[in-house]
Every structure is written in C-alpha cells, then in structure tokens.
C-alpha cells in the first residue's frame, strides 16, 4: 500500500517528467520552424546552391548544439 509520502513523490516525479517532455517538444518545434525559415530565406533571395548548402550545414550544426543543450538541461 502506498503511503502519502510515496504518492506525493510519485506525483512530483511524474509532473517533472511531463514538464521536461513538453519543453523538449516545444524546443523541437521552434527548431523546425527556424530551419523552415532559413529554407524560405534561401529560396526567396535565390542564393546560389553552393552558398545555400554551406548555410544549411552551418545551421544544422547550430541546431544540433542547441538540441544537445536542451537535452542536457
């Protein structure tokens, strides 16, 4: 039988995990929007394929760093 203390602890852990999951999802959504925005910028300004590839690679490295920071928080 669960005691009140165990029940409270379980609820606290579940709440924390839920909060972390929501923040990660929101962060992932924002990163996806950032990538789409960059792609739109490249298309709108008709940036050369070579430069567009370089920009995309740099953005991917940047986004990976952000995701690594979010997952370690």
Protein backbone atom coordinates (compact mmCIF):
# COMPACT_ATOMS: atom_id res chain seq x y z
CA UNK A 1 0.00 0.00 0.00
CA UNK A 2 1.34 3.39 -0.99
CA UNK A 3 1.83 5.94 1.73
CA UNK A 4 1.00 9.60 1.28
CA UNK A 5 4.69 10.43 1.05
CA UNK A 6 5.26 7.86 -1.73
CA UNK A 7 2.18 9.08 -3.58
CA UNK A 8 3.36 12.69 -3.35
CA UNK A 9 6.84 11.73 -4.52
CA UNK A 10 5.43 9.77 -7.47
CA UNK A 11 3.21 12.71 -8.45
CA UNK A 12 6.16 15.10 -8.23
CA UNK A 13 8.33 12.90 -10.44
CA UNK A 14 5.54 12.48 -13.00
CA UNK A 15 4.97 16.25 -13.07
CA UNK A 16 8.68 16.91 -13.60
CA UNK A 17 8.95 14.37 -16.41
CA UNK A 18 5.84 15.81 -18.07
CA UNK A 19 7.26 19.35 -17.87
CA UNK A 20 10.60 18.27 -19.35
CA UNK A 21 8.87 16.41 -22.19
CA UNK A 22 6.70 19.43 -23.03
CA UNK A 23 9.73 21.77 -23.05
CA UNK A 24 11.67 19.41 -25.33
CA UNK A 25 8.71 19.18 -27.72
CA UNK A 26 8.30 22.97 -27.80
CA UNK A 27 12.03 23.39 -28.40
CA UNK A 28 11.96 20.87 -31.24
CA UNK A 29 9.01 22.68 -32.83
CA UNK A 30 10.86 26.01 -32.63
CA UNK A 31 13.98 24.48 -34.18
CA UNK A 32 11.92 23.06 -37.03
CA UNK A 33 10.37 26.49 -37.63
CA UNK A 34 13.85 28.05 -37.62
CA UNK A 35 15.02 25.57 -40.28
CA UNK A 36 11.93 26.24 -42.41
CA UNK A 37 12.51 29.98 -42.09
CA UNK A 38 16.11 29.60 -43.28
CA UNK A 39 14.97 27.48 -46.22
CA UNK A 40 12.43 30.16 -47.13
CA UNK A 41 15.13 32.83 -46.93
CA UNK A 42 17.39 30.83 -49.27
CA UNK A 43 14.59 30.37 -51.82
CA UNK A 44 13.35 33.98 -51.59
CA UNK A 45 16.77 35.52 -52.19
CA UNK A 46 17.78 32.87 -54.74
CA UNK A 47 21.06 32.14 -53.02
CA UNK A 48 23.49 30.06 -55.05
CA UNK A 49 23.38 26.33 -54.45
CA UNK A 50 26.93 26.25 -53.09
CA UNK A 51 26.26 29.01 -50.55
CA UNK A 52 22.85 27.55 -49.69
CA UNK A 53 24.48 24.19 -48.91
CA UNK A 54 27.06 25.90 -46.69
CA UNK A 55 24.36 27.87 -44.86
CA UNK A 56 22.28 24.72 -44.37
CA UNK A 57 25.27 22.80 -43.00
CA UNK A 58 26.12 25.60 -40.57
CA UNK A 59 22.51 25.85 -39.44
CA UNK A 60 22.36 22.08 -38.83
CA UNK A 61 25.49 22.25 -36.66
CA UNK A 62 24.00 25.18 -34.76
CA UNK A 63 20.69 23.37 -34.24
CA UNK A 64 22.48 20.21 -33.06
CA UNK A 65 24.30 22.30 -30.45
CA UNK A 66 21.02 23.80 -29.28
CA UNK A 67 19.38 20.36 -29.08
CA UNK A 68 22.34 18.98 -27.14
CA UNK A 69 21.99 21.85 -24.70
CA UNK A 70 18.26 21.24 -24.31
CA UNK A 71 18.66 17.53 -23.71
CA UNK A 72 21.32 18.08 -21.05
CA UNK A 73 19.16 20.58 -19.13
